[in-house]
PDB file of N, CA and C in Angstrom:
ATOM      1  N   UNK A   1      78.611 128.980  79.676  1.00  0.00           N
ATOM      2  CA  UNK A   1      79.484 128.806  80.821  1.00  0.00           C
ATOM      3  C   UNK A   1      77.933 127.953  81.855  1.00  0.00           C
ATOM      4  N   UNK A   2      78.677 126.815  82.082  1.00  0.00           N
ATOM      5  CA  UNK A   2      77.428 126.280  83.268  1.00  0.00           C
ATOM      6  C   UNK A   2      77.293 126.811  84.145  1.00  0.00           C
ATOM      7  N   UNK A   3      76.194 127.090  84.805  1.00  0.00           N
ATOM      8  CA  UNK A   3      75.979 128.136  86.006  1.00  0.00           C
ATOM      9  C   UNK A   3      75.486 126.863  86.897  1.00  0.00           C
ATOM     10  N   UNK A   4      75.022 127.218  88.005  1.00  0.00           N
ATOM     11  CA  UNK A   4      74.636 126.590  88.914  1.00  0.00           C
ATOM     12  C   UNK A   4      73.798 127.441  90.156  1.00  0.00           C
ATOM     13  N   UNK A   5      73.338 126.824  90.951  1.00  0.00           N
ATOM     14  CA  UNK A   5      72.236 127.225  92.169  1.00  0.00           C
ATOM     15  C   UNK A   5      72.844 126.334  93.460  1.00  0.00           C
ATOM     16  N   UNK A   6      73.205 127.663  93.995  1.00  0.00           N
ATOM     17  CA  UNK A   6      73.549 126.751  95.798  1.00  0.00           C
ATOM     18  C   UNK A   6      73.152 127.543  96.839  1.00  0.00           C
ATOM     19  N   UNK A   7      72.207 126.983  97.636  1.00  0.00           N
ATOM     20  CA  UNK A   7      71.426 127.256  98.982  1.00  0.00           C
ATOM     21  C   UNK A   7      71.860 126.872  99.874  1.00  0.00           C
ATOM     22  N   UNK A   8      71.972 127.883 100.755  1.00  0.00           N
ATOM     23  CA  UNK A   8      72.154 127.389 102.156  1.00  0.00           C
ATOM     24  C   UNK A   8      71.433 128.062 103.261  1.00  0.00           C
ATOM     25  N   UNK A   9      70.266 126.708 104.001  1.00  0.00           N
ATOM     26  CA  UNK A   9      69.360 127.254 105.055  1.00  0.00           C
ATOM     27  C   UNK A   9      69.897 127.354 106.270  1.00  0.00           C
ATOM     28  N   UNK A  10      69.721 127.662 107.316  1.00  0.00           N
ATOM     29  CA  UNK A  10      70.345 128.269 108.664  1.00  0.00           C
ATOM     30  C   UNK A  10      69.651 128.512 109.409  1.00  0.00           C
ATOM     31  N   UNK A  11      69.751 128.413 110.944  1.00  0.00           N
ATOM     32  CA  UNK A  11      69.170 128.565 112.285  1.00  0.00           C
ATOM     33  C   UNK A  11      69.386 129.678 112.627  1.00  0.00           C
ATOM     34  N   UNK A  12      69.023 131.029 112.667  1.00  0.00           N
ATOM     35  CA  UNK A  12      69.012 132.733 113.148  1.00  0.00           C
ATOM     36  C   UNK A  12      69.689 133.350 112.254  1.00  0.00           C
ATOM     37  N   UNK A  13      69.281 134.689 111.625  1.00  0.00           N
ATOM     38  CA  UNK A  13      69.691 135.265 111.218  1.00  0.00           C
ATOM     39  C   UNK A  13      71.168 135.360 111.221  1.00  0.00           C
ATOM     40  N   UNK A  14      71.860 135.589 112.193  1.00  0.00           N
ATOM     41  CA  UNK A  14      73.214 135.557 111.925  1.00  0.00           C
ATOM     42  C   UNK A  14      74.056 134.766 111.521  1.00  0.00           C
ATOM     43  N   UNK A  15      73.693 133.669 111.070  1.00  0.00           N
ATOM     44  CA  UNK A  15      74.619 132.753 111.188  1.00  0.00           C
ATOM     45  C   UNK A  15      73.883 132.647 109.107  1.00  0.00           C
ATOM     46  N   UNK A  16      73.123 133.254 108.782  1.00  0.00           N
ATOM     47  CA  UNK A  16      72.879 133.590 107.040  1.00  0.00           C
ATOM     48  C   UNK A  16      73.986 134.490 107.015  1.00  0.00           C
ATOM     49  N   UNK A  17      73.468 135.296 107.950  1.00  0.00           N
ATOM     50  CA  UNK A  17      74.603 136.469 107.162  1.00  0.00           C
ATOM     51  C   UNK A  17      75.992 136.191 107.380  1.00  0.00           C
ATOM     52  N   UNK A  18      76.614 135.717 108.231  1.00  0.00           N
ATOM     53  CA  UNK A  18      77.945 135.117 108.157  1.00  0.00           C
ATOM     54  C   UNK A  18      78.379 134.194 107.011  1.00  0.00           C
ATOM     55  N   UNK A  19      76.864 132.960 106.735  1.00  0.00           N
ATOM     56  CA  UNK A  19      77.333 132.527 105.741  1.00  0.00           C
ATOM     57  C   UNK A  19      77.210 133.376 104.156  1.00  0.00           C
ATOM     58  N   UNK A  20      76.961 134.321 104.300  1.00  0.00           N
ATOM     59  CA  UNK A  20      76.398 134.802 103.195  1.00  0.00           C
ATOM     60  C   UNK A  20      77.902 135.628 102.790  1.00  0.00           C
ATOM     61  N   UNK A  21      78.135 136.269 103.477  1.00  0.00           N
ATOM     62  CA  UNK A  21      79.483 137.165 103.438  1.00  0.00           C
ATOM     63  C   UNK A  21      80.125 136.198 103.128  1.00  0.00           C
ATOM     64  N   UNK A  22      80.540 135.313 103.242  1.00  0.00           N
ATOM     65  CA  UNK A  22      81.669 134.493 103.578  1.00  0.00           C
ATOM     66  C   UNK A  22      81.501 133.564 101.980  1.00  0.00           C
ATOM     67  N   UNK A  23      80.400 133.402 101.604  1.00  0.00           N
ATOM     68  CA  UNK A  23      80.080 132.845  99.974  1.00  0.00           C
ATOM     69  C   UNK A  23      80.759 133.933  99.195  1.00  0.00           C
ATOM     70  N   UNK A  24      80.670 135.122  99.286  1.00  0.00           N
ATOM     71  CA  UNK A  24      80.778 136.204  97.800  1.00  0.00           C
ATOM     72  C   UNK A  24      82.472 136.417  97.997  1.00  0.00           C
ATOM     73  N   UNK A  25      83.104 136.326  99.268  1.00  0.00           N
ATOM     74  CA  UNK A  25      84.215 136.587  99.483  1.00  0.00           C
ATOM     75  C   UNK A  25      85.255 135.410  98.986  1.00  0.00           C
ATOM     76  N   UNK A  26      84.650 133.931  99.071  1.00  0.00           N
ATOM     77  CA  UNK A  26      85.223 132.843  99.211  1.00  0.00           C
ATOM     78  C   UNK A  26      85.377 132.955  97.547  1.00  0.00           C
ATOM     79  N   UNK A  27      84.022 133.038  96.934  1.00  0.00           N
ATOM     80  CA  UNK A  27      84.444 132.533  95.292  1.00  0.00           C
ATOM     81  C   UNK A  27      83.590 133.409  94.256  1.00  0.00           C
ATOM     82  N   UNK A  28      83.393 133.337  93.410  1.00  0.00           N
ATOM     83  CA  UNK A  28      82.919 134.346  92.090  1.00  0.00           C
ATOM     84  C   UNK A  28      81.352 134.107  92.251  1.00  0.00           C
ATOM     85  N   UNK A  29      80.565 134.443  92.983  1.00  0.00           N
ATOM     86  CA  UNK A  29      79.432 134.027  93.291  1.00  0.00           C
ATOM     87  C   UNK A  29      78.459 135.416  93.045  1.00  0.00           C
ATOM     88  N   UNK A  30      77.202 135.455  92.804  1.00  0.00           N
ATOM     89  CA  UNK A  30      76.305 136.457  93.362  1.00  0.00           C
ATOM     90  C   UNK A  30      74.938 135.640  94.138  1.00  0.00           C
ATOM     91  N   UNK A  31      74.804 136.313  95.082  1.00  0.00           N
ATOM     92  CA  UNK A  31      73.738 136.659  95.722  1.00  0.00           C
ATOM     93  C   UNK A  31      72.588 136.959  94.787  1.00  0.00           C
ATOM     94  N   UNK A  32      71.827 135.558  94.411  1.00  0.00           N
ATOM     95  CA  UNK A  32      70.406 136.354  93.604  1.00  0.00           C
ATOM     96  C   UNK A  32      69.111 136.305  94.836  1.00  0.00           C
ATOM     97  N   UNK A  33      68.989 135.960  95.895  1.00  0.00           N
ATOM     98  CA  UNK A  33      67.772 135.559  96.315  1.00  0.00           C
ATOM     99  C   UNK A  33      67.844 135.324  97.970  1.00  0.00           C
ATOM    100  N   UNK A  34      67.387 135.685  99.454  1.00  0.00           N
ATOM    101  CA  UNK A  34      67.249 135.344 100.427  1.00  0.00           C
ATOM    102  C   UNK A  34      66.183 135.318 101.294  1.00  0.00           C
ATOM    103  N   UNK A  35      65.414 134.705 102.116  1.00  0.00           N
ATOM    104  CA  UNK A  35      64.272 134.945 102.865  1.00  0.00           C
ATOM    105  C   UNK A  35      64.178 134.393 104.004  1.00  0.00           C
ATOM    106  N   UNK A  36      62.854 134.242 104.409  1.00  0.00           N
ATOM    107  CA  UNK A  36      62.726 133.478 105.390  1.00  0.00           C
ATOM    108  C   UNK A  36      62.449 132.084 105.248  1.00  0.00           C
ATOM    109  N   UNK A  37      62.661 131.062 105.712  1.00  0.00           N
ATOM    110  CA  UNK A  37      61.947 129.977 105.804  1.00  0.00           C
ATOM    111  C   UNK A  37      61.135 129.589 106.633  1.00  0.00           C
ATOM    112  N   UNK A  38      61.152 128.826 107.687  1.00  0.00           N
ATOM    113  CA  UNK A  38      59.758 128.293 108.978  1.00  0.00           C
ATOM    114  C   UNK A  38      61.035 128.519 110.399  1.00  0.00           C
ATOM    115  N   UNK A  39      60.100 128.514 111.076  1.00  0.00           N
ATOM    116  CA  UNK A  39      60.668 128.322 112.210  1.00  0.00           C
ATOM    117  C   UNK A  39      61.899 128.797 112.888  1.00  0.00           C
ATOM    118  N   UNK A  40      62.195 129.929 112.402  1.00  0.00           N
ATOM    119  CA  UNK A  40      63.293 131.277 112.538  1.00  0.00           C
ATOM    120  C   UNK A  40      64.167 130.594 111.524  1.00  0.00           C
ATOM    121  N   UNK A  41      64.503 129.615 110.596  1.00  0.00           N
ATOM    122  CA  UNK A  41      65.000 129.747 110.069  1.00  0.00           C
ATOM    123  C   UNK A  41      65.114 130.787 108.860  1.00  0.00           C
ATOM    124  N   UNK A  42      66.327 131.217 108.254  1.00  0.00           N
ATOM    125  CA  UNK A  42      66.604 131.567 106.633  1.00  0.00           C
ATOM    126  C   UNK A  42      67.515 131.122 105.567  1.00  0.00           C
ATOM    127  N   UNK A  43      67.377 131.330 104.782  1.00  0.00           N
ATOM    128  CA  UNK A  43      68.480 131.044 103.339  1.00  0.00           C
ATOM    129  C   UNK A  43      69.129 132.070 102.589  1.00  0.00           C
ATOM    130  N   UNK A  44      69.883 131.337 102.049  1.00  0.00           N
ATOM    131  CA  UNK A  44      70.393 132.451 101.002  1.00  0.00           C
ATOM    132  C   UNK A  44      70.478 131.635  99.647  1.00  0.00           C
ATOM    133  N   UNK A  45      70.630 131.770  98.486  1.00  0.00           N
ATOM    134  CA  UNK A  45      71.049 131.559  96.991  1.00  0.00           C
ATOM    135  C   UNK A  45      72.062 132.620  96.412  1.00  0.00           C
ATOM    136  N   UNK A  46      72.902 131.625  95.987  1.00  0.00           N
ATOM    137  CA  UNK A  46      74.068 132.091  94.480  1.00  0.00           C
ATOM    138  C   UNK A  46      74.019 131.552  94.022  1.00  0.00           C
ATOM    139  N   UNK A  47      74.417 132.047  92.791  1.00  0.00           N
ATOM    140  CA  UNK A  47      74.747 131.591  91.464  1.00  0.00           C
ATOM    141  C   UNK A  47      75.971 132.169  90.696  1.00  0.00           C
ATOM    142  N   UNK A  48      76.931 130.941  89.961  1.00  0.00           N
ATOM    143  CA  UNK A  48      77.672 131.046  89.480  1.00  0.00           C
ATOM    144  C   UNK A  48      78.417 130.056  88.669  1.00  0.00           C
ATOM    145  N   UNK A  49      79.629 130.058  88.483  1.00  0.00           N
ATOM    146  CA  UNK A  49      79.996 128.375  87.867  1.00  0.00           C
ATOM    147  C   UNK A  49      80.100 127.448  88.718  1.00  0.00           C
ATOM    148  N   UNK A  50      79.976 126.425  88.397  1.00  0.00           N
ATOM    149  CA  UNK A  50      79.675 124.949  89.222  1.00  0.00           C
ATOM    150  C   UNK A  50      80.910 124.678  90.042  1.00  0.00           C
ATOM    151  N   UNK A  51      81.701 125.083  89.774  1.00  0.00           N
ATOM    152  CA  UNK A  51      83.191 124.750  90.419  1.00  0.00           C
ATOM    153  C   UNK A  51      82.936 125.994  91.582  1.00  0.00           C
ATOM    154  N   UNK A  52      82.681 127.362  91.202  1.00  0.00           N
ATOM    155  CA  UNK A  52      82.354 128.397  92.201  1.00  0.00           C
ATOM    156  C   UNK A  52      81.836 128.055  93.029  1.00  0.00           C
ATOM    157  N   UNK A  53      80.246 127.825  92.988  1.00  0.00           N
ATOM    158  CA  UNK A  53      79.195 127.303  93.644  1.00  0.00           C
ATOM    159  C   UNK A  53      79.872 126.430  94.852  1.00  0.00           C
ATOM    160  N   UNK A  54      80.075 125.553  94.384  1.00  0.00           N
ATOM    161  CA  UNK A  54      80.866 124.268  94.995  1.00  0.00           C
ATOM    162  C   UNK A  54      81.180 125.102  96.629  1.00  0.00           C
ATOM    163  N   UNK A  55      82.551 125.961  95.738  1.00  0.00           N
ATOM    164  CA  UNK A  55      83.622 126.110  96.988  1.00  0.00           C
ATOM    165  C   UNK A  55      82.987 127.299  98.009  1.00  0.00           C
ATOM    166  N   UNK A  56      81.678 128.142  97.294  1.00  0.00           N
ATOM    167  CA  UNK A  56      81.168 128.558  97.864  1.00  0.00           C
ATOM    168  C   UNK A  56      80.274 128.657  98.877  1.00  0.00           C
ATOM    169  N   UNK A  57      79.671 127.674  98.599  1.00  0.00           N
ATOM    170  CA  UNK A  57      78.542 126.795  99.668  1.00  0.00           C
ATOM    171  C   UNK A  57      79.845 126.042 100.860  1.00  0.00           C
ATOM    172  N   UNK A  58      80.635 125.021 100.238  1.00  0.00           N
ATOM    173  CA  UNK A  58      81.371 124.652 101.770  1.00  0.00           C
ATOM    174  C   UNK A  58      82.096 125.927 102.384  1.00  0.00           C
ATOM    175  N   UNK A  59      82.358 126.893 101.849  1.00  0.00           N
ATOM    176  CA  UNK A  59      83.154 128.171 102.553  1.00  0.00           C
ATOM    177  C   UNK A  59      82.014 128.242 103.905  1.00  0.00           C
ATOM    178  N   UNK A  60      80.838 128.736 103.199  1.00  0.00           N
ATOM    179  CA  UNK A  60      79.452 128.989 104.246  1.00  0.00           C
ATOM    180  C   UNK A  60      79.318 128.496 105.046  1.00  0.00           C
ATOM    181  N   UNK A  61      79.428 127.002 104.982  1.00  0.00           N
ATOM    182  CA  UNK A  61      78.731 126.223 105.920  1.00  0.00           C
ATOM    183  C   UNK A  61      79.774 126.172 106.974  1.00  0.00           C
ATOM    184  N   UNK A  62      80.748 125.821 106.475  1.00  0.00           N
ATOM    185  CA  UNK A  62      81.837 125.866 107.352  1.00  0.00           C
ATOM    186  C   UNK A  62      82.542 127.135 108.141  1.00  0.00           C
ATOM    187  N   UNK A  63      81.989 128.546 107.635  1.00  0.00           N
ATOM    188  CA  UNK A  63      82.024 129.528 108.646  1.00  0.00           C
ATOM    189  C   UNK A  63      81.005 129.908 109.652  1.00  0.00           C
ATOM    190  N   UNK A  64      79.917 129.090 109.295  1.00  0.00           N
ATOM    191  CA  UNK A  64      78.297 128.829 109.779  1.00  0.00           C
ATOM    192  C   UNK A  64      78.924 128.241 111.215  1.00  0.00           C
ATOM    193  N   UNK A  65      79.556 127.229 110.928  1.00  0.00           N
ATOM    194  CA  UNK A  65      80.085 125.604 112.262  1.00  0.00           C
ATOM    195  C   UNK A  65      80.953 126.342 112.826  1.00  0.00           C
ATOM    196  N   UNK A  66      81.794 127.608 112.587  1.00  0.00           N
ATOM    197  CA  UNK A  66      83.249 128.466 113.266  1.00  0.00           C
ATOM    198  C   UNK A  66      83.396 129.475 113.943  1.00  0.00           C
ATOM    199  N   UNK A  67      82.366 130.683 113.195  1.00  0.00           N
ATOM    200  CA  UNK A  67      82.077 131.834 113.995  1.00  0.00           C
ATOM    201  C   UNK A  67      80.275 131.562 114.260  1.00  0.00           C
ATOM    202  N   UNK A  68      79.547 130.930 114.224  1.00  0.00           N
ATOM    203  CA  UNK A  68      77.971 131.474 114.586  1.00  0.00           C
ATOM    204  C   UNK A  68      77.926 131.109 116.325  1.00  0.00           C
ATOM    205  N   UNK A  69      77.490 131.766 116.691  1.00  0.00           N
ATOM    206  CA  UNK A  69      77.096 132.048 118.286  1.00  0.00           C
ATOM    207  C   UNK A  69      75.374 130.869 117.974  1.00  0.00           C
ATOM    208  N   UNK A  70      75.064 129.861 118.170  1.00  0.00           N
ATOM    209  CA  UNK A  70      73.607 129.796 118.510  1.00  0.00           C
ATOM    210  C   UNK A  70      73.954 129.451 116.926  1.00  0.00           C
ATOM    211  N   UNK A  71      73.907 129.466 115.530  1.00  0.00           N
ATOM    212  CA  UNK A  71      73.846 129.347 114.719  1.00  0.00           C
ATOM    213  C   UNK A  71      73.915 128.038 114.144  1.00  0.00           C
ATOM    214  N   UNK A  72      73.129 127.298 113.401  1.00  0.00           N
ATOM    215  CA  UNK A  72      73.406 126.003 113.003  1.00  0.00           C
ATOM    216  C   UNK A  72      73.141 125.711 110.994  1.00  0.00           C
ATOM    217  N   UNK A  73      73.612 125.485 110.330  1.00  0.00           N
ATOM    218  CA  UNK A  73      73.580 125.269 108.841  1.00  0.00           C
ATOM    219  C   UNK A  73      71.804 124.230 109.091  1.00  0.00           C
ATOM    220  N   UNK A  74      71.159 123.940 108.841  1.00  0.00           N
ATOM    221  CA  UNK A  74      69.908 123.263 108.504  1.00  0.00           C
ATOM    222  C   UNK A  74      70.119 122.247 107.265  1.00  0.00           C
ATOM    223  N   UNK A  75      70.221 123.372 106.203  1.00  0.00           N
ATOM    224  CA  UNK A  75      69.841 122.028 105.212  1.00  0.00           C
ATOM    225  C   UNK A  75      71.170 122.839 103.910  1.00  0.00           C
ATOM    226  N   UNK A  76      71.514 122.447 102.961  1.00  0.00           N
ATOM    227  CA  UNK A  76      71.871 122.866 101.918  1.00  0.00           C
ATOM    228  C   UNK A  76      71.621 122.273 100.693  1.00  0.00           C
ATOM    229  N   UNK A  77      72.157 122.339  99.405  1.00  0.00           N
ATOM    230  CA  UNK A  77      71.960 122.120  98.445  1.00  0.00           C
ATOM    231  C   UNK A  77      72.707 122.951  96.630  1.00  0.00           C
ATOM    232  N   UNK A  78      73.271 121.764  96.209  1.00  0.00           N
ATOM    233  CA  UNK A  78      74.057 122.263  94.749  1.00  0.00           C
ATOM    234  C   UNK A  78      72.935 122.087  93.939  1.00  0.00           C
ATOM    235  N   UNK A  79      72.469 122.941  92.539  1.00  0.00           N
ATOM    236  CA  UNK A  79      72.352 122.520  91.601  1.00  0.00           C
ATOM    237  C   UNK A  79      72.990 122.803  90.742  1.00  0.00           C
ATOM    238  N   UNK A  80      73.456 121.876  90.130  1.00  0.00           N
ATOM    239  CA  UNK A  80      74.335 121.994  88.887  1.00  0.00           C
ATOM    240  C   UNK A  80      73.697 122.507  87.431  1.00  0.00           C
ATOM    241  N   UNK A  81      73.676 123.616  86.898  1.00  0.00           N
ATOM    242  CA  UNK A  81      73.141 123.994  85.586  1.00  0.00           C
ATOM    243  C   UNK A  81      71.441 123.843  85.711  1.00  0.00           C
ATOM    244  N   UNK A  82      71.281 124.378  86.278  1.00  0.00           N
ATOM    245  CA  UNK A  82      69.133 124.281  86.038  1.00  0.00           C
ATOM    246  C   UNK A  82      68.921 124.497  85.132  1.00  0.00           C
ATOM    247  N   UNK A  83      68.297 123.881  84.537  1.00  0.00           N
ATOM    248  CA  UNK A  83      67.109 124.346  82.813  1.00  0.00           C
ATOM    249  C   UNK A  83      66.348 125.053  83.516  1.00  0.00           C
ATOM    250  N   UNK A  84      66.161 126.051  82.004  1.00  0.00           N
ATOM    251  CA  UNK A  84      65.168 127.066  82.184  1.00  0.00           C
ATOM    252  C   UNK A  84      63.624 126.823  82.939  1.00  0.00           C
ATOM    253  N   UNK A  85      63.535 125.972  82.933  1.00  0.00           N
ATOM    254  CA  UNK A  85      61.492 126.110  83.696  1.00  0.00           C
ATOM    255  C   UNK A  85      61.646 125.738  84.927  1.00  0.00           C
ATOM    256  N   UNK A  86      63.229 125.524  85.369  1.00  0.00           N
ATOM    257  CA  UNK A  86      63.157 125.540  87.137  1.00  0.00           C
ATOM    258  C   UNK A  86      63.514 127.075  87.067  1.00  0.00           C
ATOM    259  N   UNK A  87      64.521 127.558  86.787  1.00  0.00           N
ATOM    260  CA  UNK A  87      64.984 129.118  86.522  1.00  0.00           C
ATOM    261  C   UNK A  87      63.471 130.363  86.314  1.00  0.00           C
ATOM    262  N   UNK A  88      62.900 129.807  85.473  1.00  0.00           N
ATOM    263  CA  UNK A  88      61.532 130.402  85.479  1.00  0.00           C
ATOM    264  C   UNK A  88      60.451 130.067  86.724  1.00  0.00           C
ATOM    265  N   UNK A  89      60.598 129.321  87.287  1.00  0.00           N
ATOM    266  CA  UNK A  89      59.542 129.192  88.480  1.00  0.00           C
ATOM    267  C   UNK A  89      59.935 129.666  89.960  1.00  0.00           C
ATOM    268  N   UNK A  90      61.153 129.021  89.895  1.00  0.00           N
ATOM    269  CA  UNK A  90      61.917 129.280  91.323  1.00  0.00           C
ATOM    270  C   UNK A  90      63.263 130.573  91.173  1.00  0.00           C
ATOM    271  N   UNK A  91      62.812 131.225  92.338  1.00  0.00           N
ATOM    272  CA  UNK A  91      63.601 132.683  92.487  1.00  0.00           C
ATOM    273  C   UNK A  91      64.769 132.799  92.015  1.00  0.00           C
ATOM    274  N   UNK A  92      65.039 131.880  91.520  1.00  0.00           N
ATOM    275  CA  UNK A  92      66.871 131.795  91.146  1.00  0.00           C
ATOM    276  C   UNK A  92      67.755 132.667  90.490  1.00  0.00           C
ATOM    277  N   UNK A  93      66.804 133.309  89.877  1.00  0.00           N
ATOM    278  CA  UNK A  93      67.373 134.018  88.288  1.00  0.00           C
ATOM    279  C   UNK A  93      67.659 135.084  88.841  1.00  0.00           C
ATOM    280  N   UNK A  94      68.720 135.696  88.084  1.00  0.00           N
ATOM    281  CA  UNK A  94      69.748 137.039  88.210  1.00  0.00           C
ATOM    282  C   UNK A  94      68.642 138.560  87.958  1.00  0.00           C
ATOM    283  N   UNK A  95      68.123 139.023  88.814  1.00  0.00           N
ATOM    284  CA  UNK A  95      66.851 140.279  89.145  1.00  0.00           C
ATOM    285  C   UNK A  95      67.523 141.727  88.631  1.00  0.00           C
ATOM    286  N   UNK A  96      67.188 142.542  88.346  1.00  0.00           N
ATOM    287  CA  UNK A  96      67.624 143.988  87.785  1.00  0.00           C
ATOM    288  C   UNK A  96      68.358 144.313  89.541  1.00  0.00           C
ATOM    289  N   UNK A  97      68.116 143.793  90.375  1.00  0.00           N
ATOM    290  CA  UNK A  97      68.876 144.302  92.185  1.00  0.00           C
ATOM    291  C   UNK A  97      69.985 143.071  91.907  1.00  0.00           C
ATOM    292  N   UNK A  98      70.171 142.328  91.371  1.00  0.00           N
ATOM    293  CA  UNK A  98      71.461 141.562  91.264  1.00  0.00           C
ATOM    294  C   UNK A  98      72.291 141.291  90.158  1.00  0.00           C
ATOM    295  N   UNK A  99      71.953 141.971  89.417  1.00  0.00           N
ATOM    296  CA  UNK A  99      72.464 142.201  87.989  1.00  0.00           C
ATOM    297  C   UNK A  99      73.840 142.953  88.061  1.00  0.00           C
ATOM    298  N   UNK A 100      73.635 144.378  88.363  1.00  0.00           N
ATOM    299  CA  UNK A 100      75.118 144.907  88.664  1.00  0.00           C
ATOM    300  C   UNK A 100      76.245 144.420  89.350  1.00  0.00           C
ATOM    301  N   UNK A 101      75.806 143.273  90.075  1.00  0.00           N
ATOM    302  CA  UNK A 101      76.701 142.392  91.131  1.00  0.00           C
ATOM    303  C   UNK A 101      76.942 140.992  90.198  1.00  0.00           C
ATOM    304  N   UNK A 102      76.525 140.852  89.225  1.00  0.00           N
ATOM    305  CA  UNK A 102      76.858 139.524  88.407  1.00  0.00           C
ATOM    306  C   UNK A 102      78.066 139.342  87.709  1.00  0.00           C
ATOM    307  N   UNK A 103      79.038 138.276  88.019  1.00  0.00           N
ATOM    308  CA  UNK A 103      80.390 138.020  87.757  1.00  0.00           C
ATOM    309  C   UNK A 103      80.225 136.736  86.569  1.00  0.00           C
TER     310      UNK A 103
END
């Protein structure tokens, strides 16, 4: 099954919380990583089938634009079918914390 990774970066923690909540409710994806970027920005990474990740990222970005007070999406990207060497370096693989929630 082709898997993808989708990432949204937003200004403010409430904005990324809204995006994360919307993404997992809008599509069959699992959150695999989240952290702070720089200058008060946060990001969240999700994994799932390519079409599901595309739907989740679109819904997450839309929810931040509509619901967030002062937050905004600063960046986003989707990588369909990332190669194994990318998974081994970047924190986009399923971990023991995320594995129970894998869809």
